[in-house]
Amino acid sequence: MEKQDFANPIYNDTTGKATWSMLYFGIYPQSEVKGNMLVPAIIHAEYDENGDACVSGIKYRRISKDNTENSENFGNSTFRYFKWEKIKWRVLWNDGDTLFVMADKGIDCKAYNNINISITWEECTLRHWLANDFYNMAFNTSEQEAIKIHNVNNQPAPGYMIGNGRDTEDKIYILSIPEIRNTDYGFWDKRIDWEHKKDKKVNRRMKPTDYAYVRGISLGNVMGDYGENCCWWLRSACSYTNYGAEIGWEGKVFKVGYYTRIFCNAVVPVMHIGIKELQNLL
């Protein structure tokens, strides 16, 4: 596959919509296995300490209420089962050497920080989880070699009270407020997100995977326009020091954010993949 196959986003400022190139890279638990698909071989498989088992060459994850961030969506089952699937990414930018990509769904449910305190992106537990647990679960050795370390800008977002600590070097991270307002990446660019402009925020709206939902994601009002959408974290600091900035169900940037320890927001990872290394994997 040639580099030009990964086109940069085509953004329409009239509608606020964009078209992205898509890429499948890495693997993670996503779709729930239920109904007639939940056969005895899956239920009675030998699951390891991580809750994983292979059945007929397909990898599954089994979780209980104890494996959720909060159990509000779990129901009364003893276990629920999920299929490991390739992760779908949007190509936010192709600079000729690397692809800047973002997960197309909320991949998991995590707090910004496990203790509700004022904390920077550099020090938060979400950054540690992405750099270790997620990185090692989702990508094999060859894929890890294709993921590039990136100098992540954590300077204050325009119009916000505080910065977010020192710049960091990360392989996996999450978007900032300026990045979610960058038309080059396919997002609406207005800093003030008035409600009557909500249709232009369509490309910021995010749906979770089945796995992320059962792990604790809170969805929008099912009677409204955003019933299947989730809130998801940004790394930027916001107007209150112990709150994390987030994108709401309708795609609005909430500068007042949410408690850093809240366990109902989605994680939408971003990263930079070397094109040469990627082509060697295809």
C-alpha atoms as a PDB file:
ATOM      1  CA  MET A   1       0.000   0.000   0.000  1.00  0.00           C
ATOM      2  CA  GLU A   2       1.456   3.383  -1.031  1.00  0.00           C
ATOM      3  CA  LYS A   3       1.701   6.389   1.272  1.00  0.00           C
ATOM      4  CA  GLN A   4      -0.839   8.368  -0.731  1.00  0.00           C
ATOM      5  CA  ASP A   5      -3.461   5.727   0.031  1.00  0.00           C
ATOM      6  CA  PHE A   6      -3.681   7.277   3.518  1.00  0.00           C
ATOM      7  CA  ALA A   7      -5.208  10.590   2.498  1.00  0.00           C
ATOM      8  CA  ASN A   8      -5.530  13.514   4.878  1.00  0.00           C
ATOM      9  CA  PRO A   9      -9.047  14.381   6.070  1.00  0.00           C
ATOM     10  CA  ILE A  10     -11.428  16.177   3.733  1.00  0.00           C
ATOM     11  CA  TYR A  11     -13.269  18.714   5.894  1.00  0.00           C
ATOM     12  CA  ASN A  12     -16.486  20.578   4.997  1.00  0.00           C
ATOM     13  CA  ASP A  13     -16.795  23.770   7.025  1.00  0.00           C
ATOM     14  CA  THR A  14     -20.432  24.227   5.998  1.00  0.00           C
ATOM     15  CA  THR A  15     -21.562  20.958   7.549  1.00  0.00           C
ATOM     16  CA  GLY A  16     -18.718  20.379  10.009  1.00  0.00           C
ATOM     17  CA  LYS A  17     -18.339  16.871   8.603  1.00  0.00           C
ATOM     18  CA  ALA A  18     -15.179  15.173   7.416  1.00  0.00           C
ATOM     19  CA  THR A  19     -14.058  12.107   5.529  1.00  0.00           C
ATOM     20  CA  TRP A  20     -11.102  10.210   6.970  1.00  0.00           C
ATOM     21  CA  SER A  21      -8.927   7.424   5.658  1.00  0.00           C
ATOM     22  CA  MET A  22      -9.273   4.395   7.904  1.00  0.00           C
ATOM     23  CA  LEU A  23      -6.713   1.916   9.162  1.00  0.00           C
ATOM     24  CA  TYR A  24      -6.949  -1.341  11.141  1.00  0.00           C
ATOM     25  CA  PHE A  25      -4.052  -1.797  13.536  1.00  0.00           C
ATOM     26  CA  GLY A  26      -3.744  -3.725  16.797  1.00  0.00           C
ATOM     27  CA  ILE A  27      -6.408  -5.768  18.555  1.00  0.00           C
ATOM     28  CA  TYR A  28      -8.612  -5.304  21.621  1.00  0.00           C
ATOM     29  CA  PRO A  29     -11.817  -6.747  23.164  1.00  0.00           C
ATOM     30  CA  GLN A  30     -14.747  -5.022  21.456  1.00  0.00           C
ATOM     31  CA  SER A  31     -17.975  -6.770  20.345  1.00  0.00           C
ATOM     32  CA  GLU A  32     -20.017  -8.641  22.928  1.00  0.00           C
ATOM     33  CA  VAL A  33     -20.754 -12.292  22.261  1.00  0.00           C
ATOM     34  CA  LYS A  34     -24.332 -13.071  23.260  1.00  0.00           C
ATOM     35  CA  GLY A  35     -27.502 -14.850  22.220  1.00  0.00           C
ATOM     36  CA  ASN A  36     -27.008 -17.746  19.806  1.00  0.00           C
ATOM     37  CA  MET A  37     -23.380 -16.724  19.294  1.00  0.00           C
ATOM     38  CA  LEU A  38     -22.519 -17.513  22.922  1.00  0.00           C
ATOM     39  CA  VAL A  39     -21.961 -21.228  22.447  1.00  0.00           C
ATOM     40  CA  PRO A  40     -20.897 -23.684  25.190  1.00  0.00           C
ATOM     41  CA  ALA A  41     -17.340 -23.829  23.824  1.00  0.00           C
ATOM     42  CA  ILE A  42     -16.907 -20.127  24.636  1.00  0.00           C
ATOM     43  CA  ILE A  43     -18.640 -20.318  28.022  1.00  0.00           C
ATOM     44  CA  HIS A  44     -16.632 -23.331  29.219  1.00  0.00           C
ATOM     45  CA  ALA A  45     -13.255 -22.412  27.737  1.00  0.00           C
ATOM     46  CA  GLU A  46     -10.206 -22.243  30.032  1.00  0.00           C
ATOM     47  CA  TYR A  47      -9.757 -18.521  30.673  1.00  0.00           C
ATOM     48  CA  ASP A  48      -6.389 -17.297  31.913  1.00  0.00           C
ATOM     49  CA  GLU A  49      -5.685 -14.818  34.724  1.00  0.00           C
ATOM     50  CA  ASN A  50      -6.480 -11.927  32.374  1.00  0.00           C
ATOM     51  CA  GLY A  51      -9.833 -13.453  31.446  1.00  0.00           C
ATOM     52  CA  ASP A  52      -8.719 -14.482  27.956  1.00  0.00           C
ATOM     53  CA  ALA A  53      -9.151 -17.737  26.050  1.00  0.00           C
ATOM     54  CA  CYS A  54      -8.899 -18.931  22.443  1.00  0.00           C
ATOM     55  CA  VAL A  55     -11.719 -20.955  20.915  1.00  0.00           C
ATOM     56  CA  SER A  56     -11.308 -22.282  17.361  1.00  0.00           C
ATOM     57  CA  GLY A  57      -8.526 -19.777  16.760  1.00  0.00           C
ATOM     58  CA  ILE A  58     -10.527 -16.743  17.975  1.00  0.00           C
ATOM     59  CA  LYS A  59      -9.583 -14.875  21.151  1.00  0.00           C
ATOM     60  CA  TYR A  60     -12.256 -13.975  23.705  1.00  0.00           C
ATOM     61  CA  ARG A  61     -12.286 -12.027  26.956  1.00  0.00           C
ATOM     62  CA  ARG A  62     -14.561 -12.904  29.882  1.00  0.00           C
ATOM     63  CA  ILE A  63     -15.289 -10.302  32.564  1.00  0.00           C
ATOM     64  CA  SER A  64     -17.328 -10.148  35.771  1.00  0.00           C
ATOM     65  CA  LYS A  65     -18.608  -7.149  37.719  1.00  0.00           C
ATOM     66  CA  ASP A  66     -15.258  -7.089  39.527  1.00  0.00           C
ATOM     67  CA  ASN A  67     -13.550  -6.350  36.198  1.00  0.00           C
ATOM     68  CA  THR A  68     -15.526  -3.149  35.521  1.00  0.00           C
ATOM     69  CA  GLU A  69     -14.666   0.443  36.361  1.00  0.00           C
ATOM     70  CA  ASN A  70     -18.253   0.780  37.554  1.00  0.00           C
ATOM     71  CA  SER A  71     -20.871  -1.951  37.312  1.00  0.00           C
ATOM     72  CA  GLU A  72     -23.954   0.111  36.351  1.00  0.00           C
ATOM     73  CA  ASN A  73     -24.125  -1.399  32.851  1.00  0.00           C
ATOM     74  CA  PHE A  74     -23.162  -4.945  33.732  1.00  0.00           C
ATOM     75  CA  GLY A  75     -26.553  -6.455  34.574  1.00  0.00           C
ATOM     76  CA  ASN A  76     -27.173  -9.667  36.501  1.00  0.00           C
ATOM     77  CA  SER A  77     -24.975 -12.078  34.563  1.00  0.00           C
ATOM     78  CA  THR A  78     -22.072 -13.784  36.297  1.00  0.00           C
ATOM     79  CA  PHE A  79     -19.870 -13.200  33.252  1.00  0.00           C
ATOM     80  CA  ARG A  80     -20.051 -11.352  29.950  1.00  0.00           C
ATOM     81  CA  TYR A  81     -17.987 -12.289  26.918  1.00  0.00           C
ATOM     82  CA  PHE A  82     -16.255 -10.194  24.241  1.00  0.00           C
ATOM     83  CA  LYS A  83     -14.427 -10.920  21.022  1.00  0.00           C
ATOM     84  CA  TRP A  84     -10.956  -9.519  20.433  1.00  0.00           C
ATOM     85  CA  GLU A  85     -11.063  -7.585  17.148  1.00  0.00           C
ATOM     86  CA  LYS A  86      -8.823  -5.335  15.080  1.00  0.00           C
ATOM     87  CA  ILE A  87      -8.943  -1.696  16.198  1.00  0.00           C
ATOM     88  CA  LYS A  88     -10.224   0.796  13.618  1.00  0.00           C
ATOM     89  CA  TRP A  89      -8.362   4.133  13.457  1.00  0.00           C
ATOM     90  CA  ARG A  90      -9.051   7.445  11.688  1.00  0.00           C
ATOM     91  CA  VAL A  91      -6.042   8.963   9.929  1.00  0.00           C
ATOM     92  CA  LEU A  92      -5.941  12.525  11.269  1.00  0.00           C
ATOM     93  CA  TRP A  93      -2.800  13.462   9.387  1.00  0.00           C
ATOM     94  CA  ASN A  94      -0.244  11.961   7.011  1.00  0.00           C
ATOM     95  CA  ASP A  95       3.035  13.906   7.029  1.00  0.00           C
ATOM     96  CA  GLY A  96       4.723  11.572   4.544  1.00  0.00           C
ATOM     97  CA  ASP A  97       6.660   9.648   7.209  1.00  0.00           C
ATOM     98  CA  THR A  98       4.097   8.942   9.900  1.00  0.00           C
ATOM     99  CA  LEU A  99       0.343   8.638  10.289  1.00  0.00           C
ATOM    100  CA  PHE A 100      -1.301  10.484  13.178  1.00  0.00           C
ATOM    101  CA  VAL A 101      -4.272   8.256  14.025  1.00  0.00           C
ATOM    102  CA  MET A 102      -7.177   8.246  16.471  1.00  0.00           C
ATOM    103  CA  ALA A 103      -9.364   5.314  17.532  1.00  0.00           C
ATOM    104  CA  ASP A 104     -12.745   5.395  15.804  1.00  0.00           C
ATOM    105  CA  LYS A 105     -14.580   4.400  19.016  1.00  0.00           C
ATOM    106  CA  GLY A 106     -14.193   4.762  22.756  1.00  0.00           C
ATOM    107  CA  ILE A 107     -11.975   1.739  23.318  1.00  0.00           C
ATOM    108  CA  ASP A 108     -12.251   1.395  27.092  1.00  0.00           C
ATOM    109  CA  CYS A 109     -13.571   3.023  30.262  1.00  0.00           C
ATOM    110  CA  LYS A 110     -11.009   4.593  32.613  1.00  0.00           C
ATOM    111  CA  ALA A 111     -10.724   7.506  35.015  1.00  0.00           C
ATOM    112  CA  TYR A 112      -8.320  10.323  34.137  1.00  0.00           C
ATOM    113  CA  ASN A 113      -6.739   9.637  37.496  1.00  0.00           C
ATOM    114  CA  ASN A 114      -7.522   7.026  40.121  1.00  0.00           C
ATOM    115  CA  ILE A 115      -7.479   9.636  42.902  1.00  0.00           C
ATOM    116  CA  ASN A 116      -9.496  12.843  42.536  1.00  0.00           C
ATOM    117  CA  ILE A 117      -6.735  15.429  42.841  1.00  0.00           C
ATOM    118  CA  SER A 118      -5.305  18.212  40.703  1.00  0.00           C
ATOM    119  CA  ILE A 119      -2.933  16.412  38.375  1.00  0.00           C
ATOM    120  CA  THR A 120      -1.168  16.955  35.067  1.00  0.00           C
ATOM    121  CA  TRP A 121      -1.246  14.752  32.002  1.00  0.00           C
ATOM    122  CA  GLU A 122       2.368  13.799  32.747  1.00  0.00           C
ATOM    123  CA  GLU A 123       1.445  12.351  36.135  1.00  0.00           C
ATOM    124  CA  CYS A 124      -2.085  10.962  35.679  1.00  0.00           C
ATOM    125  CA  THR A 125      -2.865   7.252  35.887  1.00  0.00           C
ATOM    126  CA  LEU A 126      -4.568   7.271  32.468  1.00  0.00           C
ATOM    127  CA  ARG A 127      -1.258   8.147  30.796  1.00  0.00           C
ATOM    128  CA  HIS A 128       0.445   5.307  32.677  1.00  0.00           C
ATOM    129  CA  TRP A 129      -2.305   2.856  31.674  1.00  0.00           C
ATOM    130  CA  LEU A 130      -2.033   3.794  27.983  1.00  0.00           C
ATOM    131  CA  ALA A 131       1.761   3.536  28.005  1.00  0.00           C
ATOM    132  CA  ASN A 132       1.802   0.147  29.710  1.00  0.00           C
ATOM    133  CA  ASP A 133      -1.404  -1.904  29.959  1.00  0.00           C
ATOM    134  CA  PHE A 134      -3.046  -0.793  26.714  1.00  0.00           C
ATOM    135  CA  TYR A 135       0.200  -0.672  24.719  1.00  0.00           C
ATOM    136  CA  ASN A 136       1.164  -4.201  25.712  1.00  0.00           C
ATOM    137  CA  MET A 137      -2.338  -5.682  25.363  1.00  0.00           C
ATOM    138  CA  ALA A 138      -3.274  -4.159  22.032  1.00  0.00           C
ATOM    139  CA  PHE A 139      -0.081  -4.425  19.971  1.00  0.00           C
ATOM    140  CA  ASN A 140       2.337  -7.230  19.172  1.00  0.00           C
ATOM    141  CA  THR A 141       6.100  -6.689  19.017  1.00  0.00           C
ATOM    142  CA  SER A 142       6.156  -5.759  15.321  1.00  0.00           C
ATOM    143  CA  GLU A 143       3.291  -3.287  15.761  1.00  0.00           C
ATOM    144  CA  GLN A 144       5.000  -1.731  18.784  1.00  0.00           C
ATOM    145  CA  GLU A 145       8.094  -1.130  16.676  1.00  0.00           C
ATOM    146  CA  ALA A 146       5.948   0.811  14.189  1.00  0.00           C
ATOM    147  CA  ILE A 147       4.562   3.175  16.868  1.00  0.00           C
ATOM    148  CA  LYS A 148       6.705   6.291  17.175  1.00  0.00           C
ATOM    149  CA  ILE A 149       7.499   8.312  20.285  1.00  0.00           C
ATOM    150  CA  HIS A 150       5.932  11.754  19.923  1.00  0.00           C
ATOM    151  CA  ASN A 151       6.724  15.031  21.673  1.00  0.00           C
ATOM    152  CA  VAL A 152       3.304  15.891  23.132  1.00  0.00           C
ATOM    153  CA  ASN A 153       2.514  19.585  23.622  1.00  0.00           C
ATOM    154  CA  ASN A 154       0.857  20.188  27.004  1.00  0.00           C
ATOM    155  CA  GLN A 155       0.838  23.985  26.928  1.00  0.00           C
ATOM    156  CA  PRO A 156      -2.346  25.815  28.026  1.00  0.00           C
ATOM    157  CA  ALA A 157      -5.229  25.762  25.583  1.00  0.00           C
ATOM    158  CA  PRO A 158      -6.234  29.329  24.518  1.00  0.00           C
ATOM    159  CA  GLY A 159      -8.851  30.774  26.846  1.00  0.00           C
ATOM    160  CA  TYR A 160      -8.281  28.279  29.670  1.00  0.00           C
ATOM    161  CA  MET A 161      -7.023  29.035  33.141  1.00  0.00           C
ATOM    162  CA  ILE A 162      -4.082  26.703  33.536  1.00  0.00           C
ATOM    163  CA  GLY A 163      -1.568  24.622  31.654  1.00  0.00           C
ATOM    164  CA  ASN A 164      -1.176  20.901  31.990  1.00  0.00           C
ATOM    165  CA  GLY A 165       2.380  20.526  33.170  1.00  0.00           C
ATOM    166  CA  ARG A 166       5.458  19.811  31.146  1.00  0.00           C
ATOM    167  CA  ASP A 167       5.481  18.472  27.602  1.00  0.00           C
ATOM    168  CA  THR A 168       5.789  14.708  27.462  1.00  0.00           C
ATOM    169  CA  GLU A 169       7.141  12.049  25.154  1.00  0.00           C
ATOM    170  CA  ASP A 170       4.458   9.439  24.513  1.00  0.00           C
ATOM    171  CA  LYS A 171       3.740   6.564  22.184  1.00  0.00           C
ATOM    172  CA  ILE A 172       0.038   6.497  23.082  1.00  0.00           C
ATOM    173  CA  TYR A 173      -1.888   9.523  24.360  1.00  0.00           C
ATOM    174  CA  ILE A 174      -5.229  11.362  23.988  1.00  0.00           C
ATOM    175  CA  LEU A 175      -6.189  14.553  22.164  1.00  0.00           C
ATOM    176  CA  SER A 176      -5.968  18.108  23.524  1.00  0.00           C
ATOM    177  CA  ILE A 177      -8.500  20.930  23.181  1.00  0.00           C
ATOM    178  CA  PRO A 178      -6.551  22.638  20.343  1.00  0.00           C
ATOM    179  CA  GLU A 179      -6.281  19.334  18.475  1.00  0.00           C
ATOM    180  CA  ILE A 180     -10.020  18.643  18.719  1.00  0.00           C
ATOM    181  CA  ARG A 181     -10.569  22.091  17.133  1.00  0.00           C
ATOM    182  CA  ASN A 182      -8.190  21.569  14.226  1.00  0.00           C
ATOM    183  CA  THR A 183      -9.827  21.413  10.778  1.00  0.00           C
ATOM    184  CA  ASP A 184      -6.653  19.802   9.389  1.00  0.00           C
ATOM    185  CA  TYR A 185      -7.626  16.785  11.491  1.00  0.00           C
ATOM    186  CA  GLY A 186     -11.276  16.968  10.384  1.00  0.00           C
ATOM    187  CA  PHE A 187     -12.800  18.777  13.388  1.00  0.00           C
ATOM    188  CA  TRP A 188     -14.836  21.962  13.716  1.00  0.00           C
ATOM    189  CA  ASP A 189     -12.552  24.880  14.602  1.00  0.00           C
ATOM    190  CA  LYS A 190     -14.702  27.257  16.663  1.00  0.00           C
ATOM    191  CA  ARG A 191     -13.449  27.870  20.216  1.00  0.00           C
ATOM    192  CA  ILE A 192     -16.875  28.783  21.600  1.00  0.00           C
ATOM    193  CA  ASP A 193     -19.181  25.791  21.202  1.00  0.00           C
ATOM    194  CA  TRP A 194     -22.632  27.367  21.278  1.00  0.00           C
ATOM    195  CA  GLU A 195     -25.479  24.861  21.347  1.00  0.00           C
ATOM    196  CA  HIS A 196     -27.058  26.168  18.131  1.00  0.00           C
ATOM    197  CA  LYS A 197     -23.883  25.076  16.344  1.00  0.00           C
ATOM    198  CA  LYS A 198     -24.261  21.503  17.578  1.00  0.00           C
ATOM    199  CA  ASP A 199     -24.523  19.973  14.104  1.00  0.00           C
ATOM    200  CA  LYS A 200     -20.988  21.162  13.346  1.00  0.00           C
ATOM    201  CA  LYS A 201     -19.699  19.121  16.265  1.00  0.00           C
ATOM    202  CA  VAL A 202     -20.789  15.865  14.661  1.00  0.00           C
ATOM    203  CA  ASN A 203     -17.231  14.608  14.106  1.00  0.00           C
ATOM    204  CA  ARG A 204     -16.424  14.945  17.795  1.00  0.00           C
ATOM    205  CA  ARG A 205     -19.249  12.622  18.808  1.00  0.00           C
ATOM    206  CA  MET A 206     -18.041   9.224  19.890  1.00  0.00           C
ATOM    207  CA  LYS A 207     -19.612   5.826  20.403  1.00  0.00           C
ATOM    208  CA  PRO A 208     -18.078   3.209  22.691  1.00  0.00           C
ATOM    209  CA  THR A 209     -17.372  -0.407  21.906  1.00  0.00           C
ATOM    210  CA  ASP A 210     -19.555  -2.989  23.631  1.00  0.00           C
ATOM    211  CA  TYR A 211     -16.621  -3.780  25.906  1.00  0.00           C
ATOM    212  CA  ALA A 212     -16.122  -0.147  26.951  1.00  0.00           C
ATOM    213  CA  TYR A 213     -19.850   0.247  27.617  1.00  0.00           C
ATOM    214  CA  VAL A 214     -20.103  -2.812  29.846  1.00  0.00           C
ATOM    215  CA  ARG A 215     -16.950  -1.714  31.673  1.00  0.00           C
ATOM    216  CA  GLY A 216     -18.823   1.420  32.794  1.00  0.00           C
ATOM    217  CA  ILE A 217     -19.327   4.012  30.040  1.00  0.00           C
ATOM    218  CA  SER A 218     -22.233   6.402  30.598  1.00  0.00           C
ATOM    219  CA  LEU A 219     -24.313   7.081  27.461  1.00  0.00           C
ATOM    220  CA  GLY A 220     -26.382  10.130  26.569  1.00  0.00           C
ATOM    221  CA  ASN A 221     -30.115  10.445  27.185  1.00  0.00           C
ATOM    222  CA  VAL A 222     -31.641   7.596  25.179  1.00  0.00           C
ATOM    223  CA  MET A 223     -34.699   9.763  24.440  1.00  0.00           C
ATOM    224  CA  GLY A 224     -32.600  12.537  22.884  1.00  0.00           C
ATOM    225  CA  ASP A 225     -30.339  12.856  19.846  1.00  0.00           C
ATOM    226  CA  TYR A 226     -27.240  11.455  21.509  1.00  0.00           C
ATOM    227  CA  GLY A 227     -28.413   8.238  23.151  1.00  0.00           C
ATOM    228  CA  GLU A 228     -25.591   6.057  21.803  1.00  0.00           C
ATOM    229  CA  ASN A 229     -22.801   8.603  22.352  1.00  0.00           C
ATOM    230  CA  CYS A 230     -20.341   8.693  25.233  1.00  0.00           C
ATOM    231  CA  CYS A 231     -18.275  11.366  26.932  1.00  0.00           C
ATOM    232  CA  TRP A 232     -14.534  11.016  26.366  1.00  0.00           C
ATOM    233  CA  TRP A 233     -11.404  12.464  27.916  1.00  0.00           C
ATOM    234  CA  LEU A 234      -9.071  15.140  26.567  1.00  0.00           C
ATOM    235  CA  ARG A 235      -5.624  15.596  28.071  1.00  0.00           C
ATOM    236  CA  SER A 236      -5.908  19.402  28.385  1.00  0.00           C
ATOM    237  CA  ALA A 237      -6.361  20.908  31.792  1.00  0.00           C
ATOM    238  CA  CYS A 238      -9.603  22.833  32.184  1.00  0.00           C
ATOM    239  CA  SER A 239     -11.069  25.632  34.279  1.00  0.00           C
ATOM    240  CA  TYR A 240     -11.063  23.682  37.551  1.00  0.00           C
ATOM    241  CA  THR A 241      -7.798  22.182  38.653  1.00  0.00           C
ATOM    242  CA  ASN A 242      -9.137  18.821  39.825  1.00  0.00           C
ATOM    243  CA  TYR A 243     -11.346  18.356  36.742  1.00  0.00           C
ATOM    244  CA  GLY A 244     -10.375  16.853  33.398  1.00  0.00           C
ATOM    245  CA  ALA A 245     -11.517  18.374  30.095  1.00  0.00           C
ATOM    246  CA  GLU A 246     -13.859  16.193  28.088  1.00  0.00           C
ATOM    247  CA  ILE A 247     -16.018  15.945  24.985  1.00  0.00           C
ATOM    248  CA  GLY A 248     -19.712  15.607  25.799  1.00  0.00           C
ATOM    249  CA  TRP A 249     -22.363  13.411  24.195  1.00  0.00           C
ATOM    250  CA  GLU A 250     -23.239  16.077  21.603  1.00  0.00           C
ATOM    251  CA  GLY A 251     -19.591  16.758  20.701  1.00  0.00           C
ATOM    252  CA  LYS A 252     -19.131  19.888  22.812  1.00  0.00           C
ATOM    253  CA  VAL A 253     -15.844  20.670  24.560  1.00  0.00           C
ATOM    254  CA  PHE A 254     -16.579  20.978  28.286  1.00  0.00           C
ATOM    255  CA  LYS A 255     -13.952  23.300  29.667  1.00  0.00           C
ATOM    256  CA  VAL A 256     -15.266  22.822  33.209  1.00  0.00           C
ATOM    257  CA  GLY A 257     -14.660  19.112  32.705  1.00  0.00           C
ATOM    258  CA  TYR A 258     -15.424  16.305  35.087  1.00  0.00           C
ATOM    259  CA  TYR A 259     -13.855  14.933  38.251  1.00  0.00           C
ATOM    260  CA  THR A 260     -10.579  13.254  37.305  1.00  0.00           C
ATOM    261  CA  ARG A 261     -11.601  10.141  39.239  1.00  0.00           C
ATOM    262  CA  ILE A 262     -14.949   9.680  37.454  1.00  0.00           C
ATOM    263  CA  PHE A 263     -15.256   6.148  36.073  1.00  0.00           C
ATOM    264  CA  CYS A 264     -17.763   6.601  33.241  1.00  0.00           C
ATOM    265  CA  ASN A 265     -15.788   8.356  30.470  1.00  0.00           C
ATOM    266  CA  ALA A 266     -14.289   6.697  27.415  1.00  0.00           C
ATOM    267  CA  VAL A 267     -10.652   6.559  26.387  1.00  0.00           C
ATOM    268  CA  VAL A 268      -9.988   7.394  22.723  1.00  0.00           C
ATOM    269  CA  PRO A 269      -6.272   6.770  22.100  1.00  0.00           C
ATOM    270  CA  VAL A 270      -4.145   8.531  19.499  1.00  0.00           C
ATOM    271  CA  MET A 271      -0.668   7.677  18.255  1.00  0.00           C
ATOM    272  CA  HIS A 272       1.829   8.100  15.420  1.00  0.00           C
ATOM    273  CA  ILE A 273       2.646   5.101  13.198  1.00  0.00           C
ATOM    274  CA  GLY A 274       5.673   4.966  10.919  1.00  0.00           C
ATOM    275  CA  ILE A 275       4.486   4.476   7.325  1.00  0.00           C
ATOM    276  CA  LYS A 276       7.526   2.453   6.290  1.00  0.00           C
ATOM    277  CA  GLU A 277       7.147   0.134   9.262  1.00  0.00           C
ATOM    278  CA  LEU A 278       3.415  -0.155   8.650  1.00  0.00           C
ATOM    279  CA  GLN A 279       3.912  -1.129   5.027  1.00  0.00           C
ATOM    280  CA  ASN A 280       6.207  -3.927   6.138  1.00  0.00           C
ATOM    281  CA  LEU A 281       3.344  -5.322   8.209  1.00  0.00           C
ATOM    282  CA  LEU A 282       0.770  -5.226   5.406  1.00  0.00           C
END
